[in-house]
C-alpha cells in the first residue's frame, strides 16, 4: 500500500524471580501475526498481502544468562555446614534446640533448583524457621516430619 516495510521492537518481560524456579530450561517464545483485513487499499485498489513463503507463526528459544562459563553448563559445588546452639540434648528436655544451616556454592554459576531436606525425628517437635534479613525470601515448608527449603 505504498508504506513500505515496518519493523517494531517489542519488549517481553519474565515473571518476578520468585514466581518461577526453573532457570535452566530454554524459554520458548512464539508469535503469530496476520494482516489487518481493515487496512485501506492502495492507489491501485489493492490490499497488502504476505508472501506465500512467509510463515505467520514464528518461534524462538532464549535462555537466562547463568554465568556458568563458556559452555553454559553450571557445575555447582554446594557446601553445607550445620551447627546447633547446644552440645547435648536430652530426651524429654523442654529447651529448644536451634540448628543453624549454612549453604554456600563454591562452584560456578548458581546451584539452581537445589533444596535442603531436614528430617525431624518423631521425638522432636518442630517449631518453625527463623530467617535473618538476607534470607527473607527463603521458601520452606514442613510436612510429614520433613522441612524442605529452597536454596
Protein backbone atom coordinates (compact mmCIF):
# COMPACT_ATOMS: atom_id res chain seq x y z
CA UNK A 1 0.00 0.00 0.00
CA UNK A 2 2.97 2.25 -0.53
CA UNK A 3 4.03 2.44 3.09
CA UNK A 4 6.91 0.00 2.74
CA UNK A 5 8.25 -2.32 5.40
CA UNK A 6 7.51 -1.64 9.05
CA UNK A 7 9.57 -3.08 11.88
CA UNK A 8 8.79 -2.89 15.55
CA UNK A 9 10.90 -3.84 18.56
CA UNK A 10 8.86 -5.39 21.34
CA UNK A 11 10.00 -5.96 24.89
CA UNK A 12 8.88 -9.03 26.77
CA UNK A 13 9.17 -9.45 30.48
CA UNK A 14 9.64 -12.53 32.61
CA UNK A 15 7.68 -13.07 35.76
CA UNK A 16 9.20 -11.99 39.05
CA UNK A 17 12.10 -14.25 40.04
CA UNK A 18 10.20 -15.77 42.97
CA UNK A 19 7.40 -16.87 40.59
CA UNK A 20 9.49 -19.35 38.62
CA UNK A 21 12.11 -21.84 39.71
CA UNK A 22 13.41 -23.35 36.51
CA UNK A 23 16.17 -21.10 35.25
CA UNK A 24 17.90 -23.86 33.27
CA UNK A 25 15.34 -24.80 30.62
CA UNK A 26 15.02 -22.82 27.44
CA UNK A 27 12.30 -20.20 27.30
CA UNK A 28 10.16 -20.76 24.22
CA UNK A 29 8.76 -17.65 22.60
CA UNK A 30 6.08 -17.89 19.94
CA UNK A 31 4.40 -15.19 17.90
CA UNK A 32 1.75 -15.37 15.25
CA UNK A 33 0.72 -12.50 13.06
CA UNK A 34 -1.62 -11.55 10.25
CA UNK A 35 -2.54 -8.53 8.21
CA UNK A 36 -5.39 -6.34 9.33
CA UNK A 37 -8.28 -7.03 6.91
CA UNK A 38 -9.49 -3.48 7.59
CA UNK A 39 -6.31 -1.96 6.09
CA UNK A 40 -7.13 0.66 3.45
CA UNK A 41 -6.41 -0.18 -0.15
CA UNK A 42 -3.55 1.48 -2.01
CA UNK A 43 -3.78 3.76 -5.09
CA UNK A 44 -4.46 0.73 -7.29
CA UNK A 45 -7.26 -0.63 -5.10
CA UNK A 46 -5.12 -3.45 -3.70
CA UNK A 47 -4.64 -4.54 -0.13
CA UNK A 48 -1.26 -5.73 1.16
CA UNK A 49 -0.59 -9.47 1.12
CA UNK A 50 2.02 -11.69 2.75
CA UNK A 51 4.43 -13.58 0.57
CA UNK A 52 3.43 -17.23 0.15
CA UNK A 53 6.82 -18.16 1.62
CA UNK A 54 6.23 -16.14 4.80
CA UNK A 55 5.16 -18.08 7.84
CA UNK A 56 2.51 -16.47 10.01
CA UNK A 57 3.91 -18.22 13.07
CA UNK A 58 7.42 -17.68 14.44
CA UNK A 59 9.15 -19.41 17.34
CA UNK A 60 12.44 -18.71 19.05
CA UNK A 61 14.19 -20.01 22.12
CA UNK A 62 16.07 -17.96 24.67
CA UNK A 63 17.83 -18.81 27.86
CA UNK A 64 18.63 -16.96 31.03
CA UNK A 65 22.28 -15.98 31.30
CA UNK A 66 23.52 -18.08 34.20
CA UNK A 67 27.19 -17.09 34.48
CA UNK A 68 28.17 -20.73 34.01
CA UNK A 69 31.25 -20.38 31.88
CA UNK A 70 31.76 -20.62 28.11
CA UNK A 71 29.93 -23.96 27.84
CA UNK A 72 26.88 -22.53 29.73
CA UNK A 73 26.81 -25.67 31.88
CA UNK A 74 26.70 -24.89 35.59
CA UNK A 75 28.91 -27.03 37.79
CA UNK A 76 27.89 -26.13 41.35
CA UNK A 77 29.88 -27.08 44.42
CA UNK A 78 27.35 -26.73 47.22
CA UNK A 79 28.90 -26.77 50.69
CA UNK A 80 26.60 -27.29 53.69
CA UNK A 81 27.51 -26.84 57.34
CA UNK A 82 25.22 -27.36 60.31
CA UNK A 83 25.73 -26.49 63.95
CA UNK A 84 23.44 -26.34 66.93
CA UNK A 85 23.25 -23.92 69.81
CA UNK A 86 23.61 -26.76 72.36
CA UNK A 87 26.15 -29.57 72.50
CA UNK A 88 23.88 -32.05 74.30
CA UNK A 89 20.13 -32.58 74.04
CA UNK A 90 18.23 -34.85 76.41
CA UNK A 91 15.03 -36.73 75.56
CA UNK A 92 12.13 -35.01 77.31
CA UNK A 93 14.02 -31.74 77.73
CA UNK A 94 11.87 -28.64 77.18
CA UNK A 95 14.74 -26.45 75.99
CA UNK A 96 14.55 -25.71 72.27
CA UNK A 97 17.44 -26.69 70.04
CA UNK A 98 18.30 -24.27 67.25
CA UNK A 99 20.11 -25.66 64.23
CA UNK A 100 21.99 -23.24 62.01
CA UNK A 101 22.34 -24.32 58.38
CA UNK A 102 24.83 -22.52 56.17
CA UNK A 103 24.83 -23.38 52.47
CA UNK A 104 27.36 -21.85 50.08
CA UNK A 105 28.02 -22.54 46.45
CA UNK A 106 31.75 -22.59 45.76
CA UNK A 107 31.23 -23.61 42.11
CA UNK A 108 30.43 -21.63 39.01
CA UNK A 109 27.03 -20.11 38.45
CA UNK A 110 24.26 -20.95 40.85
CA UNK A 111 23.17 -24.19 42.44
CA UNK A 112 19.84 -23.87 40.64
CA UNK A 113 16.81 -25.74 41.97
CA UNK A 114 18.77 -27.01 45.00
CA UNK A 115 16.70 -27.97 48.05
CA UNK A 116 17.58 -28.76 51.63
CA UNK A 117 15.65 -31.63 53.27
CA UNK A 118 15.77 -31.91 57.06
CA UNK A 119 14.05 -34.89 58.69
CA UNK A 120 12.66 -34.08 62.13
CA UNK A 121 12.67 -37.22 64.32
CA UNK A 122 9.34 -38.21 65.92
CA UNK A 123 10.80 -37.48 69.38
CA UNK A 124 11.27 -33.82 68.45
CA UNK A 125 8.66 -31.12 68.00
CA UNK A 126 9.19 -28.77 65.07
CA UNK A 127 8.51 -25.14 66.00
CA UNK A 128 9.48 -23.12 62.92
CA UNK A 129 12.16 -21.34 60.98
CA UNK A 130 13.88 -18.11 61.90
CA UNK A 131 15.39 -16.27 58.96
CA UNK A 132 17.91 -13.49 59.03
CA UNK A 133 17.09 -10.43 56.91
CA UNK A 134 19.18 -11.53 53.94
CA UNK A 135 17.18 -14.77 53.70
CA UNK A 136 13.72 -13.23 53.95
CA UNK A 137 12.81 -14.72 50.55
CA UNK A 138 13.84 -18.25 51.56
CA UNK A 139 10.91 -20.58 51.00
CA UNK A 140 10.47 -23.50 53.41
CA UNK A 141 7.66 -25.96 54.03
CA UNK A 142 7.06 -28.53 56.75
CA UNK A 143 5.14 -31.72 56.07
CA UNK A 144 5.35 -35.33 57.26
CA UNK A 145 8.18 -34.65 59.72
CA UNK A 146 10.30 -33.07 56.95
CA UNK A 147 11.38 -29.47 56.44
CA UNK A 148 12.10 -28.61 52.79
CA UNK A 149 13.82 -25.32 51.94
CA UNK A 150 14.67 -23.94 48.51
CA UNK A 151 18.28 -22.89 48.39
